[in-house]
PDB file of N, CA and C in Angstrom:
ATOM      1  N   UNK A   1     136.733 119.246 -29.258  1.00  0.00           N
ATOM      2  CA  UNK A   1     137.918 118.926 -30.041  1.00  0.00           C
ATOM      3  C   UNK A   1     138.237 120.098 -30.964  1.00  0.00           C
ATOM      4  N   UNK A   2     139.513 120.418 -31.063  1.00  0.00           N
ATOM      5  CA  UNK A   2     139.955 121.518 -31.921  1.00  0.00           C
ATOM      6  C   UNK A   2     140.148 121.045 -33.352  1.00  0.00           C
ATOM      7  N   UNK A   3     139.877 121.926 -34.283  1.00  0.00           N
ATOM      8  CA  UNK A   3     140.175 121.630 -35.680  1.00  0.00           C
ATOM      9  C   UNK A   3     141.300 122.565 -36.138  1.00  0.00           C
ATOM     10  N   UNK A   4     141.800 122.342 -37.327  1.00  0.00           N
ATOM     11  CA  UNK A   4     142.876 123.188 -37.838  1.00  0.00           C
ATOM     12  C   UNK A   4     142.394 124.612 -38.062  1.00  0.00           C
ATOM     13  N   UNK A   5     141.105 124.783 -38.264  1.00  0.00           N
ATOM     14  CA  UNK A   5     140.560 126.129 -38.482  1.00  0.00           C
ATOM     15  C   UNK A   5     140.601 126.965 -37.211  1.00  0.00           C
ATOM     16  N   UNK A   6     140.691 126.306 -36.061  1.00  0.00           N
ATOM     17  CA  UNK A   6     140.727 127.010 -34.779  1.00  0.00           C
ATOM     18  C   UNK A   6     142.114 127.529 -34.426  1.00  0.00           C
ATOM     19  N   UNK A   7     143.135 127.096 -35.166  1.00  0.00           N
ATOM     20  CA  UNK A   7     144.495 127.519 -34.855  1.00  0.00           C
ATOM     21  C   UNK A   7     144.724 128.968 -35.255  1.00  0.00           C
ATOM     22  N   UNK A   8     145.387 129.682 -34.395  1.00  0.00           N
ATOM     23  CA  UNK A   8     145.756 131.066 -34.630  1.00  0.00           C
ATOM     24  C   UNK A   8     146.789 131.134 -35.765  1.00  0.00           C
ATOM     25  N   UNK A   9     146.773 132.204 -36.548  1.00  0.00           N
ATOM     26  CA  UNK A   9     147.725 132.362 -37.653  1.00  0.00           C
ATOM     27  C   UNK A   9     149.172 132.361 -37.167  1.00  0.00           C
ATOM     28  N   UNK A  10     149.416 132.905 -35.976  1.00  0.00           N
ATOM     29  CA  UNK A  10     150.778 132.910 -35.427  1.00  0.00           C
ATOM     30  C   UNK A  10     151.255 131.496 -35.121  1.00  0.00           C
ATOM     31  N   UNK A  11     150.357 130.661 -34.621  1.00  0.00           N
ATOM     32  CA  UNK A  11     150.701 129.269 -34.335  1.00  0.00           C
ATOM     33  C   UNK A  11     150.996 128.537 -35.640  1.00  0.00           C
ATOM     34  N   UNK A  12     150.164 128.756 -36.644  1.00  0.00           N
ATOM     35  CA  UNK A  12     150.391 128.134 -37.948  1.00  0.00           C
ATOM     36  C   UNK A  12     151.739 128.557 -38.532  1.00  0.00           C
ATOM     37  N   UNK A  13     152.064 129.835 -38.394  1.00  0.00           N
ATOM     38  CA  UNK A  13     153.341 130.315 -38.914  1.00  0.00           C
ATOM     39  C   UNK A  13     154.511 129.602 -38.241  1.00  0.00           C
ATOM     40  N   UNK A  14     154.441 129.438 -36.931  1.00  0.00           N
ATOM     41  CA  UNK A  14     155.519 128.738 -36.221  1.00  0.00           C
ATOM     42  C   UNK A  14     155.648 127.298 -36.684  1.00  0.00           C
ATOM     43  N   UNK A  15     154.533 126.665 -36.945  1.00  0.00           N
ATOM     44  CA  UNK A  15     154.561 125.285 -37.447  1.00  0.00           C
ATOM     45  C   UNK A  15     155.160 125.255 -38.847  1.00  0.00           C
ATOM     46  N   UNK A  16     154.689 126.151 -39.714  1.00  0.00           N
ATOM     47  CA  UNK A  16     155.127 126.154 -41.105  1.00  0.00           C
ATOM     48  C   UNK A  16     156.603 126.515 -41.251  1.00  0.00           C
ATOM     49  N   UNK A  17     157.142 127.271 -40.329  1.00  0.00           N
ATOM     50  CA  UNK A  17     158.566 127.643 -40.397  1.00  0.00           C
ATOM     51  C   UNK A  17     159.488 126.432 -40.285  1.00  0.00           C
ATOM     52  N   UNK A  18     158.979 125.346 -39.731  1.00  0.00           N
ATOM     53  CA  UNK A  18     159.787 124.137 -39.565  1.00  0.00           C
ATOM     54  C   UNK A  18     159.693 123.187 -40.755  1.00  0.00           C
ATOM     55  N   UNK A  19     158.889 123.526 -41.741  1.00  0.00           N
ATOM     56  CA  UNK A  19     158.709 122.648 -42.892  1.00  0.00           C
ATOM     57  C   UNK A  19     159.775 122.878 -43.947  1.00  0.00           C
ATOM     58  N   UNK A  20     160.057 121.840 -44.694  1.00  0.00           N
ATOM     59  CA  UNK A  20     160.935 121.938 -45.849  1.00  0.00           C
ATOM     60  C   UNK A  20     160.119 122.490 -47.021  1.00  0.00           C
ATOM     61  N   UNK A  21     160.807 122.809 -48.102  1.00  0.00           N
ATOM     62  CA  UNK A  21     160.183 123.462 -49.250  1.00  0.00           C
ATOM     63  C   UNK A  21     159.008 122.668 -49.816  1.00  0.00           C
ATOM     64  N   UNK A  22     159.207 121.366 -50.072  1.00  0.00           N
ATOM     65  CA  UNK A  22     158.146 120.555 -50.677  1.00  0.00           C
ATOM     66  C   UNK A  22     156.932 120.472 -49.760  1.00  0.00           C
ATOM     67  N   UNK A  23     157.184 120.350 -48.466  1.00  0.00           N
ATOM     68  CA  UNK A  23     156.089 120.236 -47.519  1.00  0.00           C
ATOM     69  C   UNK A  23     155.336 121.560 -47.374  1.00  0.00           C
ATOM     70  N   UNK A  24     156.058 122.662 -47.495  1.00  0.00           N
ATOM     71  CA  UNK A  24     155.424 123.973 -47.451  1.00  0.00           C
ATOM     72  C   UNK A  24     154.526 124.164 -48.678  1.00  0.00           C
ATOM     73  N   UNK A  25     154.989 123.690 -49.826  1.00  0.00           N
ATOM     74  CA  UNK A  25     154.155 123.730 -51.030  1.00  0.00           C
ATOM     75  C   UNK A  25     152.873 122.924 -50.836  1.00  0.00           C
ATOM     76  N   UNK A  26     153.008 121.751 -50.271  1.00  0.00           N
ATOM     77  CA  UNK A  26     151.841 120.894 -50.041  1.00  0.00           C
ATOM     78  C   UNK A  26     150.883 121.535 -49.037  1.00  0.00           C
ATOM     79  N   UNK A  27     151.420 122.142 -47.997  1.00  0.00           N
ATOM     80  CA  UNK A  27     150.579 122.799 -46.990  1.00  0.00           C
ATOM     81  C   UNK A  27     149.801 123.958 -47.603  1.00  0.00           C
ATOM     82  N   UNK A  28     150.443 124.653 -48.531  1.00  0.00           N
ATOM     83  CA  UNK A  28     149.792 125.778 -49.190  1.00  0.00           C
ATOM     84  C   UNK A  28     148.571 125.321 -49.987  1.00  0.00           C
ATOM     85  N   UNK A  29     148.577 124.097 -50.453  1.00  0.00           N
ATOM     86  CA  UNK A  29     147.476 123.562 -51.247  1.00  0.00           C
ATOM     87  C   UNK A  29     146.344 122.993 -50.401  1.00  0.00           C
ATOM     88  N   UNK A  30     146.539 122.927 -49.107  1.00  0.00           N
ATOM     89  CA  UNK A  30     145.570 122.266 -48.231  1.00  0.00           C
ATOM     90  C   UNK A  30     144.263 123.051 -48.075  1.00  0.00           C
ATOM     91  N   UNK A  31     144.366 124.328 -47.736  1.00  0.00           N
ATOM     92  CA  UNK A  31     143.142 125.123 -47.568  1.00  0.00           C
ATOM     93  C   UNK A  31     143.476 126.618 -47.712  1.00  0.00           C
ATOM     94  N   UNK A  32     142.428 127.413 -47.827  1.00  0.00           N
ATOM     95  CA  UNK A  32     142.607 128.850 -48.068  1.00  0.00           C
ATOM     96  C   UNK A  32     143.312 129.544 -46.908  1.00  0.00           C
ATOM     97  N   UNK A  33     143.009 129.146 -45.683  1.00  0.00           N
ATOM     98  CA  UNK A  33     143.635 129.774 -44.511  1.00  0.00           C
ATOM     99  C   UNK A  33     145.144 129.530 -44.528  1.00  0.00           C
ATOM    100  N   UNK A  34     145.546 128.311 -44.806  1.00  0.00           N
ATOM    101  CA  UNK A  34     146.972 127.995 -44.816  1.00  0.00           C
ATOM    102  C   UNK A  34     147.675 128.718 -45.947  1.00  0.00           C
ATOM    103  N   UNK A  35     147.040 128.786 -47.114  1.00  0.00           N
ATOM    104  CA  UNK A  35     147.626 129.511 -48.252  1.00  0.00           C
ATOM    105  C   UNK A  35     147.838 130.971 -47.887  1.00  0.00           C
ATOM    106  N   UNK A  36     146.839 131.570 -47.236  1.00  0.00           N
ATOM    107  CA  UNK A  36     146.922 132.979 -46.850  1.00  0.00           C
ATOM    108  C   UNK A  36     148.068 133.204 -45.859  1.00  0.00           C
ATOM    109  N   UNK A  37     148.167 132.335 -44.851  1.00  0.00           N
ATOM    110  CA  UNK A  37     149.220 132.478 -43.845  1.00  0.00           C
ATOM    111  C   UNK A  37     150.593 132.353 -44.499  1.00  0.00           C
ATOM    112  N   UNK A  38     150.749 131.376 -45.373  1.00  0.00           N
ATOM    113  CA  UNK A  38     152.044 131.154 -46.018  1.00  0.00           C
ATOM    114  C   UNK A  38     152.418 132.328 -46.906  1.00  0.00           C
ATOM    115  N   UNK A  39     151.457 132.855 -47.662  1.00  0.00           N
ATOM    116  CA  UNK A  39     151.792 133.962 -48.571  1.00  0.00           C
ATOM    117  C   UNK A  39     151.941 135.293 -47.830  1.00  0.00           C
ATOM    118  N   UNK A  40     151.070 135.572 -46.869  1.00  0.00           N
ATOM    119  CA  UNK A  40     151.151 136.844 -46.150  1.00  0.00           C
ATOM    120  C   UNK A  40     152.382 136.933 -45.259  1.00  0.00           C
ATOM    121  N   UNK A  41     152.785 135.830 -44.695  1.00  0.00           N
ATOM    122  CA  UNK A  41     153.936 135.830 -43.789  1.00  0.00           C
ATOM    123  C   UNK A  41     155.252 135.641 -44.541  1.00  0.00           C
ATOM    124  N   UNK A  42     155.161 135.512 -45.864  1.00  0.00           N
ATOM    125  CA  UNK A  42     156.342 135.361 -46.727  1.00  0.00           C
ATOM    126  C   UNK A  42     157.238 134.212 -46.271  1.00  0.00           C
ATOM    127  N   UNK A  43     156.625 133.079 -46.023  1.00  0.00           N
ATOM    128  CA  UNK A  43     157.372 131.937 -45.509  1.00  0.00           C
ATOM    129  C   UNK A  43     158.317 131.342 -46.541  1.00  0.00           C
ATOM    130  N   UNK A  44     157.963 131.434 -47.832  1.00  0.00           N
ATOM    131  CA  UNK A  44     158.885 130.937 -48.852  1.00  0.00           C
ATOM    132  C   UNK A  44     160.155 131.775 -48.879  1.00  0.00           C
ATOM    133  N   UNK A  45     160.006 133.080 -48.726  1.00  0.00           N
ATOM    134  CA  UNK A  45     161.177 133.957 -48.705  1.00  0.00           C
ATOM    135  C   UNK A  45     162.053 133.646 -47.496  1.00  0.00           C
ATOM    136  N   UNK A  46     161.433 133.449 -46.343  1.00  0.00           N
ATOM    137  CA  UNK A  46     162.190 133.119 -45.138  1.00  0.00           C
ATOM    138  C   UNK A  46     162.907 131.781 -45.292  1.00  0.00           C
ATOM    139  N   UNK A  47     162.226 130.816 -45.898  1.00  0.00           N
ATOM    140  CA  UNK A  47     162.847 129.511 -46.114  1.00  0.00           C
ATOM    141  C   UNK A  47     164.014 129.624 -47.087  1.00  0.00           C
ATOM    142  N   UNK A  48     163.863 130.427 -48.122  1.00  0.00           N
ATOM    143  CA  UNK A  48     164.939 130.624 -49.094  1.00  0.00           C
ATOM    144  C   UNK A  48     166.167 131.223 -48.417  1.00  0.00           C
ATOM    145  N   UNK A  49     165.950 132.204 -47.578  1.00  0.00           N
ATOM    146  CA  UNK A  49     167.071 132.813 -46.853  1.00  0.00           C
ATOM    147  C   UNK A  49     167.759 131.800 -45.956  1.00  0.00           C
ATOM    148  N   UNK A  50     166.965 130.960 -45.287  1.00  0.00           N
ATOM    149  CA  UNK A  50     167.530 129.945 -44.413  1.00  0.00           C
ATOM    150  C   UNK A  50     168.338 128.932 -45.232  1.00  0.00           C
ATOM    151  N   UNK A  51     167.825 128.536 -46.387  1.00  0.00           N
ATOM    152  CA  UNK A  51     168.528 127.580 -47.243  1.00  0.00           C
ATOM    153  C   UNK A  51     169.807 128.167 -47.813  1.00  0.00           C
ATOM    154  N   UNK A  52     169.793 129.456 -48.131  1.00  0.00           N
ATOM    155  CA  UNK A  52     170.976 130.092 -48.713  1.00  0.00           C
ATOM    156  C   UNK A  52     172.128 130.168 -47.717  1.00  0.00           C
ATOM    157  N   UNK A  53     171.822 130.112 -46.460  1.00  0.00           N
ATOM    158  CA  UNK A  53     172.869 130.152 -45.438  1.00  0.00           C
ATOM    159  C   UNK A  53     173.556 128.802 -45.282  1.00  0.00           C
ATOM    160  N   UNK A  54     172.912 127.742 -45.765  1.00  0.00           N
ATOM    161  CA  UNK A  54     173.471 126.393 -45.653  1.00  0.00           C
ATOM    162  C   UNK A  54     174.143 125.983 -46.957  1.00  0.00           C
ATOM    163  N   UNK A  55     175.113 125.119 -46.856  1.00  0.00           N
ATOM    164  CA  UNK A  55     175.722 124.505 -48.033  1.00  0.00           C
ATOM    165  C   UNK A  55     175.053 123.157 -48.246  1.00  0.00           C
ATOM    166  N   UNK A  56     174.222 123.091 -49.255  1.00  0.00           N
ATOM    167  CA  UNK A  56     173.529 121.841 -49.536  1.00  0.00           C
ATOM    168  C   UNK A  56     173.579 121.557 -51.024  1.00  0.00           C
ATOM    169  N   UNK A  57     173.481 120.290 -51.345  1.00  0.00           N
ATOM    170  CA  UNK A  57     173.404 119.919 -52.754  1.00  0.00           C
ATOM    171  C   UNK A  57     172.034 119.283 -52.985  1.00  0.00           C
ATOM    172  N   UNK A  58     171.373 119.715 -54.016  1.00  0.00           N
ATOM    173  CA  UNK A  58     170.055 119.210 -54.339  1.00  0.00           C
ATOM    174  C   UNK A  58     170.164 118.131 -55.407  1.00  0.00           C
ATOM    175  N   UNK A  59     169.564 117.009 -55.133  1.00  0.00           N
ATOM    176  CA  UNK A  59     169.392 115.982 -56.157  1.00  0.00           C
ATOM    177  C   UNK A  59     167.920 116.040 -56.517  1.00  0.00           C
ATOM    178  N   UNK A  60     167.632 116.685 -57.616  1.00  0.00           N
ATOM    179  CA  UNK A  60     166.268 117.061 -57.936  1.00  0.00           C
ATOM    180  C   UNK A  60     165.932 116.612 -59.347  1.00  0.00           C
ATOM    181  N   UNK A  61     164.830 115.912 -59.470  1.00  0.00           N
ATOM    182  CA  UNK A  61     164.326 115.608 -60.806  1.00  0.00           C
ATOM    183  C   UNK A  61     162.846 115.967 -60.828  1.00  0.00           C
ATOM    184  N   UNK A  62     162.418 116.503 -61.906  1.00  0.00           N
ATOM    185  CA  UNK A  62     161.031 116.949 -62.032  1.00  0.00           C
ATOM    186  C   UNK A  62     160.055 115.781 -61.856  1.00  0.00           C
ATOM    187  N   UNK A  63     160.386 114.633 -62.389  1.00  0.00           N
ATOM    188  CA  UNK A  63     159.494 113.473 -62.307  1.00  0.00           C
ATOM    189  C   UNK A  63     159.309 113.036 -60.854  1.00  0.00           C
ATOM    190  N   UNK A  64     160.417 112.908 -60.132  1.00  0.00           N
ATOM    191  CA  UNK A  64     160.300 112.475 -58.736  1.00  0.00           C
ATOM    192  C   UNK A  64     159.602 113.533 -57.887  1.00  0.00           C
ATOM    193  N   UNK A  65     159.838 114.800 -58.183  1.00  0.00           N
ATOM    194  CA  UNK A  65     159.176 115.867 -57.432  1.00  0.00           C
ATOM    195  C   UNK A  65     157.665 115.845 -57.677  1.00  0.00           C
ATOM    196  N   UNK A  66     157.256 115.692 -58.949  1.00  0.00           N
ATOM    197  CA  UNK A  66     155.824 115.651 -59.267  1.00  0.00           C
ATOM    198  C   UNK A  66     155.151 114.465 -58.589  1.00  0.00           C
ATOM    199  N   UNK A  67     155.833 113.325 -58.542  1.00  0.00           N
ATOM    200  CA  UNK A  67     155.281 112.152 -57.864  1.00  0.00           C
ATOM    201  C   UNK A  67     155.146 112.440 -56.373  1.00  0.00           C
ATOM    202  N   UNK A  68     156.181 113.026 -55.784  1.00  0.00           N
ATOM    203  CA  UNK A  68     156.129 113.355 -54.358  1.00  0.00           C
ATOM    204  C   UNK A  68     154.990 114.337 -54.081  1.00  0.00           C
ATOM    205  N   UNK A  69     154.858 115.353 -54.911  1.00  0.00           N
ATOM    206  CA  UNK A  69     153.818 116.358 -54.707  1.00  0.00           C
ATOM    207  C   UNK A  69     152.426 115.738 -54.812  1.00  0.00           C
ATOM    208  N   UNK A  70     152.244 114.825 -55.761  1.00  0.00           N
ATOM    209  CA  UNK A  70     150.950 114.151 -55.909  1.00  0.00           C
ATOM    210  C   UNK A  70     150.640 113.347 -54.647  1.00  0.00           C
ATOM    211  N   UNK A  71     151.643 112.637 -54.106  1.00  0.00           N
ATOM    212  CA  UNK A  71     151.450 111.855 -52.886  1.00  0.00           C
ATOM    213  C   UNK A  71     151.120 112.755 -51.704  1.00  0.00           C
ATOM    214  N   UNK A  72     151.823 113.877 -51.597  1.00  0.00           N
ATOM    215  CA  UNK A  72     151.593 114.796 -50.477  1.00  0.00           C
ATOM    216  C   UNK A  72     150.218 115.444 -50.589  1.00  0.00           C
ATOM    217  N   UNK A  73     149.809 115.791 -51.805  1.00  0.00           N
ATOM    218  CA  UNK A  73     148.467 116.351 -51.997  1.00  0.00           C
ATOM    219  C   UNK A  73     147.410 115.368 -51.545  1.00  0.00           C
ATOM    220  N   UNK A  74     147.598 114.090 -51.924  1.00  0.00           N
ATOM    221  CA  UNK A  74     146.639 113.053 -51.543  1.00  0.00           C
ATOM    222  C   UNK A  74     146.592 112.928 -50.029  1.00  0.00           C
ATOM    223  N   UNK A  75     147.755 112.921 -49.366  1.00  0.00           N
ATOM    224  CA  UNK A  75     147.808 112.819 -47.910  1.00  0.00           C
ATOM    225  C   UNK A  75     147.149 114.033 -47.255  1.00  0.00           C
ATOM    226  N   UNK A  76     147.408 115.220 -47.793  1.00  0.00           N
ATOM    227  CA  UNK A  76     146.816 116.440 -47.236  1.00  0.00           C
ATOM    228  C   UNK A  76     145.308 116.417 -47.373  1.00  0.00           C
ATOM    229  N   UNK A  77     144.836 115.972 -48.528  1.00  0.00           N
ATOM    230  CA  UNK A  77     143.391 115.895 -48.767  1.00  0.00           C
ATOM    231  C   UNK A  77     142.750 114.884 -47.830  1.00  0.00           C
ATOM    232  N   UNK A  78     143.394 113.740 -47.646  1.00  0.00           N
ATOM    233  CA  UNK A  78     142.858 112.728 -46.728  1.00  0.00           C
ATOM    234  C   UNK A  78     142.816 113.248 -45.298  1.00  0.00           C
ATOM    235  N   UNK A  79     143.855 113.958 -44.884  1.00  0.00           N
ATOM    236  CA  UNK A  79     143.887 114.542 -43.551  1.00  0.00           C
ATOM    237  C   UNK A  79     142.781 115.572 -43.395  1.00  0.00           C
ATOM    238  N   UNK A  80     142.613 116.410 -44.401  1.00  0.00           N
ATOM    239  CA  UNK A  80     141.569 117.440 -44.360  1.00  0.00           C
ATOM    240  C   UNK A  80     140.183 116.795 -44.260  1.00  0.00           C
ATOM    241  N   UNK A  81     139.942 115.747 -45.055  1.00  0.00           N
ATOM    242  CA  UNK A  81     138.641 115.061 -45.026  1.00  0.00           C
ATOM    243  C   UNK A  81     138.403 114.417 -43.663  1.00  0.00           C
ATOM    244  N   UNK A  82     139.456 113.828 -43.097  1.00  0.00           N
ATOM    245  CA  UNK A  82     139.317 113.197 -41.777  1.00  0.00           C
ATOM    246  C   UNK A  82     138.981 114.229 -40.711  1.00  0.00           C
ATOM    247  N   UNK A  83     139.620 115.385 -40.776  1.00  0.00           N
ATOM    248  CA  UNK A  83     139.330 116.448 -39.803  1.00  0.00           C
ATOM    249  C   UNK A  83     137.921 116.985 -39.982  1.00  0.00           C
ATOM    250  N   UNK A  84     137.466 117.087 -41.217  1.00  0.00           N
ATOM    251  CA  UNK A  84     136.107 117.587 -41.472  1.00  0.00           C
ATOM    252  C   UNK A  84     135.053 116.596 -40.952  1.00  0.00           C
ATOM    253  N   UNK A  85     135.339 115.293 -41.070  1.00  0.00           N
ATOM    254  CA  UNK A  85     134.402 114.263 -40.599  1.00  0.00           C
ATOM    255  C   UNK A  85     134.257 114.297 -39.083  1.00  0.00           C
ATOM    256  N   UNK A  86     135.330 114.662 -38.374  1.00  0.00           N
ATOM    257  CA  UNK A  86     135.310 114.663 -36.908  1.00  0.00           C
ATOM    258  C   UNK A  86     134.480 115.800 -36.345  1.00  0.00           C
ATOM    259  N   UNK A  87     134.174 116.789 -37.152  1.00  0.00           N
ATOM    260  CA  UNK A  87     133.392 117.943 -36.670  1.00  0.00           C
ATOM    261  C   UNK A  87     132.032 117.500 -36.395  1.00  0.00           C
TER     262      UNK A  87
END
């Protein structure tokens, strides 16, 4: 069985390119390999450029974002623990 650590950085980059901003932030917090791929490949910059090409309106509140981020962190941690147990 494959784990996330077995994935090539190029494969991870292709996956991460499809994520929205909040999800990319959460992925960056998951593990050191993912953080490295996201920062070295400048995925936030690429996402910003993609967003700037679209006309969108953001309904953003700090409280709701912090709650969402806490939930995503918990989900990421649970996923990471589940993958580690399967090894």
